[in-house]
Amino acid sequence: MLHKLITYAHSNLRHHLVVLNSEVEGLHYVNIGKVLATALCDHVDEEDLHTLAANRIANIVKTSITHHNQLGKYIALTNLHILFEPELKFDVPVLLDSWSKHTLLIINLNNEEYPNLKPTHQ
């Protein structure tokens, strides 16, 4: 699987998004649900929840960029359920689009169901 990712990462595409059902050995994954939930756990004001969550998620993604000798820059995420929470008002396709524009974005679904997200590689 790593060989396929390397080929894909170096392709001349506008975006680089890969959705998998399992982790690729040797890559560092961020449990974005856990990290964002922890970052928001003390927040109680629902009026600015979206703004706070958007700022936190941007910082989490920015600090989660990892460099691999063969892949280059990548972000590998797991546990995306929190992004679909209605209270956070995230436009998930727009987020994924922006994150994959200049960096290889790898999403591990762990064989779980997500709205409109299907594995691109098996």
C-alpha atoms as a PDB file:
ATOM      1  CA  MET A   1       0.000   0.000   0.000  1.00  0.00           C
ATOM      2  CA  LEU A   2       2.847   2.418   0.761  1.00  0.00           C
ATOM      3  CA  HIS A   3       4.118   2.074  -2.821  1.00  0.00           C
ATOM      4  CA  LYS A   4       0.669   3.070  -4.175  1.00  0.00           C
ATOM      5  CA  LEU A   5       0.590   6.064  -1.830  1.00  0.00           C
ATOM      6  CA  ILE A   6       4.045   7.186  -2.958  1.00  0.00           C
ATOM      7  CA  THR A   7       2.996   7.018  -6.622  1.00  0.00           C
ATOM      8  CA  TYR A   8      -0.227   8.909  -5.863  1.00  0.00           C
ATOM      9  CA  ALA A   9       1.543  11.524  -3.724  1.00  0.00           C
ATOM     10  CA  HIS A  10       3.851  12.407  -6.608  1.00  0.00           C
ATOM     11  CA  SER A  11       1.127  12.551  -9.245  1.00  0.00           C
ATOM     12  CA  ASN A  12       0.278  15.883 -10.805  1.00  0.00           C
ATOM     13  CA  LEU A  13      -3.166  16.357  -9.284  1.00  0.00           C
ATOM     14  CA  ARG A  14      -4.841  19.415  -7.814  1.00  0.00           C
ATOM     15  CA  HIS A  15      -5.727  17.573  -4.593  1.00  0.00           C
ATOM     16  CA  HIS A  16      -4.308  14.528  -2.870  1.00  0.00           C
ATOM     17  CA  LEU A  17      -6.924  12.734  -0.763  1.00  0.00           C
ATOM     18  CA  VAL A  18      -6.807   9.025   0.022  1.00  0.00           C
ATOM     19  CA  VAL A  19      -9.523   7.257   2.018  1.00  0.00           C
ATOM     20  CA  LEU A  20      -8.626   3.840   3.446  1.00  0.00           C
ATOM     21  CA  ASN A  21     -10.198   1.254   5.721  1.00  0.00           C
ATOM     22  CA  SER A  22      -7.021   0.601   7.680  1.00  0.00           C
ATOM     23  CA  GLU A  23      -3.809   2.298   8.701  1.00  0.00           C
ATOM     24  CA  VAL A  24      -0.684   2.150   6.582  1.00  0.00           C
ATOM     25  CA  GLU A  25       2.185   0.808   8.636  1.00  0.00           C
ATOM     26  CA  GLY A  26       4.864   3.352   9.436  1.00  0.00           C
ATOM     27  CA  LEU A  27       2.682   6.454   9.149  1.00  0.00           C
ATOM     28  CA  HIS A  28       1.741   8.689  12.077  1.00  0.00           C
ATOM     29  CA  TYR A  29      -2.043   9.012  12.498  1.00  0.00           C
ATOM     30  CA  VAL A  30      -3.839  11.710  14.472  1.00  0.00           C
ATOM     31  CA  ASN A  31      -7.094  10.779  16.198  1.00  0.00           C
ATOM     32  CA  ILE A  32      -8.738  14.051  15.230  1.00  0.00           C
ATOM     33  CA  GLY A  33     -11.945  13.275  17.115  1.00  0.00           C
ATOM     34  CA  LYS A  34     -10.122  12.771  20.392  1.00  0.00           C
ATOM     35  CA  VAL A  35      -7.791  15.740  19.913  1.00  0.00           C
ATOM     36  CA  LEU A  36     -10.598  18.154  18.964  1.00  0.00           C
ATOM     37  CA  ALA A  37     -12.914  16.898  21.725  1.00  0.00           C
ATOM     38  CA  THR A  38     -10.135  17.436  24.255  1.00  0.00           C
ATOM     39  CA  ALA A  39      -9.494  20.936  22.887  1.00  0.00           C
ATOM     40  CA  LEU A  40     -13.199  21.811  23.234  1.00  0.00           C
ATOM     41  CA  CYS A  41     -13.967  20.000  26.511  1.00  0.00           C
ATOM     42  CA  ASP A  42     -14.048  23.135  28.679  1.00  0.00           C
ATOM     43  CA  HIS A  43     -16.073  25.200  26.239  1.00  0.00           C
ATOM     44  CA  VAL A  44     -19.720  25.739  27.180  1.00  0.00           C
ATOM     45  CA  ASP A  45     -20.854  28.766  25.141  1.00  0.00           C
ATOM     46  CA  GLU A  46     -22.658  27.375  22.094  1.00  0.00           C
ATOM     47  CA  GLU A  47     -22.823  30.737  20.331  1.00  0.00           C
ATOM     48  CA  ASP A  48     -19.153  30.795  19.409  1.00  0.00           C
ATOM     49  CA  LEU A  49     -18.617  27.029  19.358  1.00  0.00           C
ATOM     50  CA  HIS A  50     -18.244  26.900  15.569  1.00  0.00           C
ATOM     51  CA  THR A  51     -15.621  29.667  15.527  1.00  0.00           C
ATOM     52  CA  LEU A  52     -13.652  28.117  18.368  1.00  0.00           C
ATOM     53  CA  ALA A  53     -13.854  24.633  16.808  1.00  0.00           C
ATOM     54  CA  ALA A  54     -12.802  25.966  13.391  1.00  0.00           C
ATOM     55  CA  ASN A  55      -9.773  27.692  14.923  1.00  0.00           C
ATOM     56  CA  ARG A  56      -8.828  24.604  16.914  1.00  0.00           C
ATOM     57  CA  ILE A  57      -9.224  22.227  13.969  1.00  0.00           C
ATOM     58  CA  ALA A  58      -7.094  24.496  11.759  1.00  0.00           C
ATOM     59  CA  ASN A  59      -4.350  24.481  14.394  1.00  0.00           C
ATOM     60  CA  ILE A  60      -4.599  20.708  14.893  1.00  0.00           C
ATOM     61  CA  VAL A  61      -4.281  20.034  11.161  1.00  0.00           C
ATOM     62  CA  LYS A  62      -1.437  22.527  10.754  1.00  0.00           C
ATOM     63  CA  THR A  63       0.555  20.947  13.594  1.00  0.00           C
ATOM     64  CA  SER A  64      -0.236  17.420  12.365  1.00  0.00           C
ATOM     65  CA  ILE A  65       1.574  17.762   9.050  1.00  0.00           C
ATOM     66  CA  THR A  66       4.283  15.119   8.990  1.00  0.00           C
ATOM     67  CA  HIS A  67       7.106  14.562   6.555  1.00  0.00           C
ATOM     68  CA  HIS A  68       7.883  11.141   5.107  1.00  0.00           C
ATOM     69  CA  ASN A  69      11.077  10.589   3.097  1.00  0.00           C
ATOM     70  CA  GLN A  70       9.178   9.088   0.153  1.00  0.00           C
ATOM     71  CA  LEU A  71       5.675  10.564   0.502  1.00  0.00           C
ATOM     72  CA  GLY A  72       6.668  14.115   1.313  1.00  0.00           C
ATOM     73  CA  LYS A  73       4.250  16.162   3.435  1.00  0.00           C
ATOM     74  CA  TYR A  74       1.190  14.285   4.638  1.00  0.00           C
ATOM     75  CA  ILE A  75      -1.566  14.356   7.238  1.00  0.00           C
ATOM     76  CA  ALA A  76      -3.045  11.025   8.345  1.00  0.00           C
ATOM     77  CA  LEU A  77      -6.300  11.236  10.269  1.00  0.00           C
ATOM     78  CA  THR A  78      -8.575   8.780  12.006  1.00  0.00           C
ATOM     79  CA  ASN A  79     -11.858   9.089  13.961  1.00  0.00           C
ATOM     80  CA  LEU A  80     -13.484  11.865  11.938  1.00  0.00           C
ATOM     81  CA  HIS A  81     -16.962  11.519  13.482  1.00  0.00           C
ATOM     82  CA  ILE A  82     -16.676  14.798  15.406  1.00  0.00           C
ATOM     83  CA  LEU A  83     -16.398  16.726  12.138  1.00  0.00           C
ATOM     84  CA  PHE A  84     -19.963  15.674  11.278  1.00  0.00           C
ATOM     85  CA  GLU A  85     -21.471  16.967  14.550  1.00  0.00           C
ATOM     86  CA  PRO A  86     -24.231  19.444  13.592  1.00  0.00           C
ATOM     87  CA  GLU A  87     -23.359  21.786  16.486  1.00  0.00           C
ATOM     88  CA  LEU A  88     -19.917  22.417  15.010  1.00  0.00           C
ATOM     89  CA  LYS A  89     -21.401  23.448  11.632  1.00  0.00           C
ATOM     90  CA  PHE A  90     -18.416  22.190   9.642  1.00  0.00           C
ATOM     91  CA  ASP A  91     -18.655  21.885   5.890  1.00  0.00           C
ATOM     92  CA  VAL A  92     -16.658  18.634   5.804  1.00  0.00           C
ATOM     93  CA  PRO A  93     -16.096  18.484   2.012  1.00  0.00           C
ATOM     94  CA  VAL A  94     -14.679  22.024   2.105  1.00  0.00           C
ATOM     95  CA  LEU A  95     -12.376  21.089   5.005  1.00  0.00           C
ATOM     96  CA  LEU A  96     -11.101  17.977   3.244  1.00  0.00           C
ATOM     97  CA  ASP A  97     -10.647  19.948   0.035  1.00  0.00           C
ATOM     98  CA  SER A  98      -8.547  22.614   1.724  1.00  0.00           C
ATOM     99  CA  TRP A  99      -6.458  20.123   3.719  1.00  0.00           C
ATOM    100  CA  SER A 100      -5.627  18.060   0.627  1.00  0.00           C
ATOM    101  CA  LYS A 101      -4.745  20.964  -1.640  1.00  0.00           C
ATOM    102  CA  HIS A 102      -1.024  21.139  -0.838  1.00  0.00           C
ATOM    103  CA  THR A 103      -0.537  18.101   1.385  1.00  0.00           C
ATOM    104  CA  LEU A 104      -1.330  14.417   0.967  1.00  0.00           C
ATOM    105  CA  LEU A 105      -4.370  13.769   3.178  1.00  0.00           C
ATOM    106  CA  ILE A 106      -4.838  10.164   4.301  1.00  0.00           C
ATOM    107  CA  ILE A 107      -8.046   9.255   6.088  1.00  0.00           C
ATOM    108  CA  ASN A 108      -8.434   5.937   7.869  1.00  0.00           C
ATOM    109  CA  LEU A 109     -12.117   4.992   8.199  1.00  0.00           C
ATOM    110  CA  ASN A 110     -11.400   1.892  10.322  1.00  0.00           C
ATOM    111  CA  ASN A 111     -14.270   0.182   8.450  1.00  0.00           C
ATOM    112  CA  GLU A 112     -16.714   2.657   9.999  1.00  0.00           C
ATOM    113  CA  GLU A 113     -19.525   4.419   8.157  1.00  0.00           C
ATOM    114  CA  TYR A 114     -19.196   8.114   7.335  1.00  0.00           C
ATOM    115  CA  PRO A 115     -21.591  10.253   5.293  1.00  0.00           C
ATOM    116  CA  ASN A 116     -20.409  10.389   1.662  1.00  0.00           C
ATOM    117  CA  LEU A 117     -16.938   9.034   2.461  1.00  0.00           C
ATOM    118  CA  LYS A 118     -15.895   5.773   0.842  1.00  0.00           C
ATOM    119  CA  PRO A 119     -12.478   4.100   0.591  1.00  0.00           C
ATOM    120  CA  THR A 120     -10.508   5.058  -2.498  1.00  0.00           C
ATOM    121  CA  HIS A 121      -7.942   2.279  -2.043  1.00  0.00           C
ATOM    122  CA  GLN A 122      -8.256  -1.170  -0.483  1.00  0.00           C
END
